[in-house]
C-alpha cells in the first residue's frame, strides 16, 4: 500500500508563494509518476501538474504554466509543487497522487489513472 501525506497549504494574499510537499511511503517511490490535482468548491477535481518517475518530464495545466513548478526528490520520497504569483482562482484543496509508472513514459492528467491519493491540503488565496 502506498501512503501519501501532503503539507504546506495555508492562507496567503494574492501574489504570494507557497510550496507544497507530498511524502510517499510504502513502496519504491521511483516506480511512480506523481501528479498534483486541486478541487475548488462546487467544481470537479482538475489536474494541475505531473512529473514522470525520473523527474525528466513534466506537464502543467495551462493556467499555471510559468507560475507553478513540480519537482521530485527520489532520495527523499517527496514531490513538491512550488506555487508563485498565486491568485484567488488558485484557491482549492490540493491533492497529490501516485500512478504506477514502470515502463510508462507519458504523464496523464486523468485522475482515474492515479491509484493512490493523499488527504489534501487547503490553499486559500485572499484578494
Foldseek 3Di string as FASTA:
>chain_A
DKAKAKDWADEEAAQAKIKMKIAIDDDQLLQKKKFKWWDDPPGDIWTAKIAHSVRPDMDGDPVQPPFWDWGDDSVRRMIMIIGGRDDQVVWTWMKMFIARDVVHDDDDGDPVRTDDIYPTDTHGYHD
